[in-house]
């Protein structure tokens, strides 16, 4: 006969798998965010290094100056795009964190229910044993000798 706690164990095991899966997804999202932040830092540093105005002694032809300005413009676009990737990554991590926390809370609730079921079953078994022991003296003591 399956007890309530045995049935609940299966539900808890499924909830554990869901919680673990969501935790792994949150970790992946965090890694992607970390990579996006690192890339943004690289691009920002690169932009700062190239964004310094040419020195007075440097000569640039009009074409070279135009190419330089286009390069800086594309670099600025890359920084802006990467900032958006970082923002999207932060939102993704937050969404995964919220889903993981919900799964974790559900798992903890199910574990508490399982523990209550187990405690109730133990109490029920103890009561049944006590009832059996209480009924034994009523049937007579088998150790009593007949003439004693």
C-alpha atoms as a PDB file:
ATOM      1  CA  UNK A   1       0.000   0.000   0.000  1.00  0.00           C
ATOM      2  CA  UNK A   2       1.384   3.357  -1.013  1.00  0.00           C
ATOM      3  CA  UNK A   3       1.426   5.930   1.706  1.00  0.00           C
ATOM      4  CA  UNK A   4       0.830   9.621   1.218  1.00  0.00           C
ATOM      5  CA  UNK A   5       4.491  10.301   1.941  1.00  0.00           C
ATOM      6  CA  UNK A   6       5.615   7.858  -0.778  1.00  0.00           C
ATOM      7  CA  UNK A   7       3.376   9.583  -3.313  1.00  0.00           C
ATOM      8  CA  UNK A   8       4.598  12.967  -2.118  1.00  0.00           C
ATOM      9  CA  UNK A   9       8.250  11.853  -2.476  1.00  0.00           C
ATOM     10  CA  UNK A  10       7.705  11.548  -6.218  1.00  0.00           C
ATOM     11  CA  UNK A  11       6.237  15.035  -6.400  1.00  0.00           C
ATOM     12  CA  UNK A  12       9.145  16.420  -4.363  1.00  0.00           C
ATOM     13  CA  UNK A  13      11.632  14.674  -6.653  1.00  0.00           C
ATOM     14  CA  UNK A  14      10.025  16.287  -9.708  1.00  0.00           C
ATOM     15  CA  UNK A  15      10.058  19.672  -7.995  1.00  0.00           C
ATOM     16  CA  UNK A  16      13.750  19.198  -7.181  1.00  0.00           C
ATOM     17  CA  UNK A  17      14.496  18.492 -10.842  1.00  0.00           C
ATOM     18  CA  UNK A  18      12.584  21.613 -11.918  1.00  0.00           C
ATOM     19  CA  UNK A  19      14.364  23.739  -9.323  1.00  0.00           C
ATOM     20  CA  UNK A  20      17.773  22.373 -10.331  1.00  0.00           C
ATOM     21  CA  UNK A  21      17.030  22.964 -14.022  1.00  0.00           C
ATOM     22  CA  UNK A  22      16.006  26.567 -13.353  1.00  0.00           C
ATOM     23  CA  UNK A  23      19.125  27.108 -11.250  1.00  0.00           C
ATOM     24  CA  UNK A  24      21.287  25.865 -14.131  1.00  0.00           C
ATOM     25  CA  UNK A  25      19.486  28.196 -16.555  1.00  0.00           C
ATOM     26  CA  UNK A  26      20.046  31.108 -14.184  1.00  0.00           C
ATOM     27  CA  UNK A  27      23.754  30.220 -14.057  1.00  0.00           C
ATOM     28  CA  UNK A  28      23.965  30.183 -17.846  1.00  0.00           C
ATOM     29  CA  UNK A  29      22.260  33.573 -18.012  1.00  0.00           C
ATOM     30  CA  UNK A  30      24.702  34.935 -15.447  1.00  0.00           C
ATOM     31  CA  UNK A  31      27.668  33.658 -17.478  1.00  0.00           C
ATOM     32  CA  UNK A  32      26.279  35.306 -20.617  1.00  0.00           C
ATOM     33  CA  UNK A  33      25.807  38.555 -18.703  1.00  0.00           C
ATOM     34  CA  UNK A  34      29.367  38.386 -17.366  1.00  0.00           C
ATOM     35  CA  UNK A  35      30.677  37.908 -20.912  1.00  0.00           C
ATOM     36  CA  UNK A  36      28.610  40.843 -22.166  1.00  0.00           C
ATOM     37  CA  UNK A  37      29.914  43.064 -19.354  1.00  0.00           C
ATOM     38  CA  UNK A  38      33.505  42.063 -20.113  1.00  0.00           C
ATOM     39  CA  UNK A  39      32.990  42.794 -23.816  1.00  0.00           C
ATOM     40  CA  UNK A  40      31.491  46.196 -22.957  1.00  0.00           C
ATOM     41  CA  UNK A  41      34.494  47.006 -20.781  1.00  0.00           C
ATOM     42  CA  UNK A  42      36.830  46.033 -23.627  1.00  0.00           C
ATOM     43  CA  UNK A  43      34.940  48.158 -26.153  1.00  0.00           C
ATOM     44  CA  UNK A  44      34.778  51.114 -23.770  1.00  0.00           C
ATOM     45  CA  UNK A  45      38.524  50.928 -23.113  1.00  0.00           C
ATOM     46  CA  UNK A  46      39.186  50.587 -26.824  1.00  0.00           C
ATOM     47  CA  UNK A  47      36.990  53.621 -27.523  1.00  0.00           C
ATOM     48  CA  UNK A  48      38.741  55.685 -24.871  1.00  0.00           C
ATOM     49  CA  UNK A  49      42.140  54.805 -26.313  1.00  0.00           C
ATOM     50  CA  UNK A  50      41.133  55.697 -29.867  1.00  0.00           C
ATOM     51  CA  UNK A  51      38.992  58.645 -28.908  1.00  0.00           C
ATOM     52  CA  UNK A  52      41.950  60.783 -27.935  1.00  0.00           C
ATOM     53  CA  UNK A  53      42.269  63.682 -30.340  1.00  0.00           C
ATOM     54  CA  UNK A  54      45.270  63.569 -32.637  1.00  0.00           C
ATOM     55  CA  UNK A  55      48.242  65.566 -31.484  1.00  0.00           C
ATOM     56  CA  UNK A  56      48.913  68.908 -33.103  1.00  0.00           C
ATOM     57  CA  UNK A  57      51.963  67.574 -34.949  1.00  0.00           C
ATOM     58  CA  UNK A  58      50.067  64.659 -36.527  1.00  0.00           C
ATOM     59  CA  UNK A  59      48.955  65.239 -40.029  1.00  0.00           C
ATOM     60  CA  UNK A  60      45.846  63.600 -41.402  1.00  0.00           C
ATOM     61  CA  UNK A  61      44.627  63.758 -44.931  1.00  0.00           C
ATOM     62  CA  UNK A  62      40.961  64.526 -45.380  1.00  0.00           C
ATOM     63  CA  UNK A  63      40.263  60.922 -46.397  1.00  0.00           C
ATOM     64  CA  UNK A  64      42.185  59.505 -43.468  1.00  0.00           C
ATOM     65  CA  UNK A  65      40.408  61.917 -41.077  1.00  0.00           C
ATOM     66  CA  UNK A  66      37.044  60.892 -42.531  1.00  0.00           C
ATOM     67  CA  UNK A  67      37.919  57.182 -42.137  1.00  0.00           C
ATOM     68  CA  UNK A  68      39.021  57.846 -38.554  1.00  0.00           C
ATOM     69  CA  UNK A  69      35.721  59.579 -37.770  1.00  0.00           C
ATOM     70  CA  UNK A  70      33.770  56.694 -39.356  1.00  0.00           C
ATOM     71  CA  UNK A  71      35.774  54.220 -37.306  1.00  0.00           C
ATOM     72  CA  UNK A  72      34.986  56.120 -34.090  1.00  0.00           C
ATOM     73  CA  UNK A  73      31.328  56.287 -35.059  1.00  0.00           C
ATOM     74  CA  UNK A  74      31.180  52.516 -35.612  1.00  0.00           C
ATOM     75  CA  UNK A  75      32.984  51.985 -32.329  1.00  0.00           C
ATOM     76  CA  UNK A  76      30.423  54.207 -30.583  1.00  0.00           C
ATOM     77  CA  UNK A  77      27.643  52.133 -32.159  1.00  0.00           C
ATOM     78  CA  UNK A  78      29.303  48.941 -30.947  1.00  0.00           C
ATOM     79  CA  UNK A  79      29.498  50.346 -27.399  1.00  0.00           C
ATOM     80  CA  UNK A  80      25.826  51.363 -27.527  1.00  0.00           C
ATOM     81  CA  UNK A  81      24.805  47.952 -28.853  1.00  0.00           C
ATOM     82  CA  UNK A  82      26.851  46.177 -26.204  1.00  0.00           C
ATOM     83  CA  UNK A  83      25.254  48.320 -23.486  1.00  0.00           C
ATOM     84  CA  UNK A  84      21.879  47.074 -24.709  1.00  0.00           C
ATOM     85  CA  UNK A  85      23.141  43.482 -24.588  1.00  0.00           C
ATOM     86  CA  UNK A  86      24.171  44.068 -20.979  1.00  0.00           C
ATOM     87  CA  UNK A  87      20.755  45.518 -20.089  1.00  0.00           C
ATOM     88  CA  UNK A  88      18.998  42.608 -21.787  1.00  0.00           C
ATOM     89  CA  UNK A  89      21.286  40.171 -19.977  1.00  0.00           C
ATOM     90  CA  UNK A  90      20.521  41.767 -16.622  1.00  0.00           C
ATOM     91  CA  UNK A  91      16.804  41.449 -17.290  1.00  0.00           C
ATOM     92  CA  UNK A  92      17.262  37.840 -18.350  1.00  0.00           C
ATOM     93  CA  UNK A  93      19.204  36.996 -15.179  1.00  0.00           C
ATOM     94  CA  UNK A  94      16.548  38.706 -13.055  1.00  0.00           C
ATOM     95  CA  UNK A  95      13.791  36.746 -14.791  1.00  0.00           C
ATOM     96  CA  UNK A  96      15.644  33.473 -14.268  1.00  0.00           C
ATOM     97  CA  UNK A  97      16.361  34.392 -10.643  1.00  0.00           C
ATOM     98  CA  UNK A  98      12.669  35.071 -10.003  1.00  0.00           C
ATOM     99  CA  UNK A  99      11.649  31.785 -11.642  1.00  0.00           C
ATOM    100  CA  UNK A 100      14.315  29.907  -9.674  1.00  0.00           C
ATOM    101  CA  UNK A 101      13.211  31.501  -6.402  1.00  0.00           C
ATOM    102  CA  UNK A 102       9.599  30.540  -7.132  1.00  0.00           C
ATOM    103  CA  UNK A 103      10.668  26.942  -7.865  1.00  0.00           C
ATOM    104  CA  UNK A 104      12.794  26.927  -4.709  1.00  0.00           C
ATOM    105  CA  UNK A 105       9.925  28.180  -2.557  1.00  0.00           C
ATOM    106  CA  UNK A 106       7.584  25.592  -4.079  1.00  0.00           C
ATOM    107  CA  UNK A 107      10.127  22.851  -3.377  1.00  0.00           C
ATOM    108  CA  UNK A 108      10.544  23.965   0.219  1.00  0.00           C
ATOM    109  CA  UNK A 109       6.761  23.966   0.687  1.00  0.00           C
ATOM    110  CA  UNK A 110       6.482  20.475  -0.753  1.00  0.00           C
ATOM    111  CA  UNK A 111       9.304  19.281   1.496  1.00  0.00           C
ATOM    112  CA  UNK A 112       7.448  20.657   4.529  1.00  0.00           C
ATOM    113  CA  UNK A 113       4.280  18.829   3.437  1.00  0.00           C
ATOM    114  CA  UNK A 114       6.272  15.628   2.968  1.00  0.00           C
ATOM    115  CA  UNK A 115       7.727  15.982   6.442  1.00  0.00           C
ATOM    116  CA  UNK A 116       4.260  16.509   7.924  1.00  0.00           C
ATOM    117  CA  UNK A 117       3.024  13.393   6.108  1.00  0.00           C
ATOM    118  CA  UNK A 118       5.956  11.389   7.445  1.00  0.00           C
ATOM    119  CA  UNK A 119       5.388  12.656  10.981  1.00  0.00           C
ATOM    120  CA  UNK A 120       1.690  11.810  10.750  1.00  0.00           C
ATOM    121  CA  UNK A 121       2.486   8.315   9.500  1.00  0.00           C
ATOM    122  CA  UNK A 122       4.973   7.747  12.314  1.00  0.00           C
ATOM    123  CA  UNK A 123       2.436   8.973  14.861  1.00  0.00           C
ATOM    124  CA  UNK A 124      -0.239   6.762  13.350  1.00  0.00           C
ATOM    125  CA  UNK A 125       2.083   3.750  13.432  1.00  0.00           C
ATOM    126  CA  UNK A 126       2.994   4.471  17.061  1.00  0.00           C
ATOM    127  CA  UNK A 127      -0.677   4.764  18.006  1.00  0.00           C
ATOM    128  CA  UNK A 128      -1.449   1.487  16.226  1.00  0.00           C
ATOM    129  CA  UNK A 129       1.421  -0.235  18.037  1.00  0.00           C
ATOM    130  CA  UNK A 130       0.303   1.202  21.364  1.00  0.00           C
ATOM    131  CA  UNK A 131      -3.267   0.055  20.702  1.00  0.00           C
ATOM    132  CA  UNK A 132      -1.994  -3.432  19.910  1.00  0.00           C
ATOM    133  CA  UNK A 133       0.085  -3.471  23.101  1.00  0.00           C
ATOM    134  CA  UNK A 134      -2.849  -2.169  25.117  1.00  0.00           C
ATOM    135  CA  UNK A 135      -5.090  -4.932  23.725  1.00  0.00           C
ATOM    136  CA  UNK A 136      -2.655  -7.712  24.671  1.00  0.00           C
ATOM    137  CA  UNK A 137      -3.254  -7.617  28.456  1.00  0.00           C
ATOM    138  CA  UNK A 138      -6.978  -7.877  27.861  1.00  0.00           C
ATOM    139  CA  UNK A 139      -6.507 -11.270  26.237  1.00  0.00           C
ATOM    140  CA  UNK A 140      -4.704 -12.649  29.215  1.00  0.00           C
ATOM    141  CA  UNK A 141      -1.062 -12.953  29.933  1.00  0.00           C
ATOM    142  CA  UNK A 142       0.479 -15.911  28.147  1.00  0.00           C
ATOM    143  CA  UNK A 143       3.225 -16.035  30.747  1.00  0.00           C
ATOM    144  CA  UNK A 144       0.832 -16.627  33.600  1.00  0.00           C
ATOM    145  CA  UNK A 145       0.976 -20.192  34.786  1.00  0.00           C
ATOM    146  CA  UNK A 146      -2.411 -21.864  35.205  1.00  0.00           C
ATOM    147  CA  UNK A 147      -2.495 -22.541  38.894  1.00  0.00           C
ATOM    148  CA  UNK A 148      -0.424 -19.664  40.073  1.00  0.00           C
END
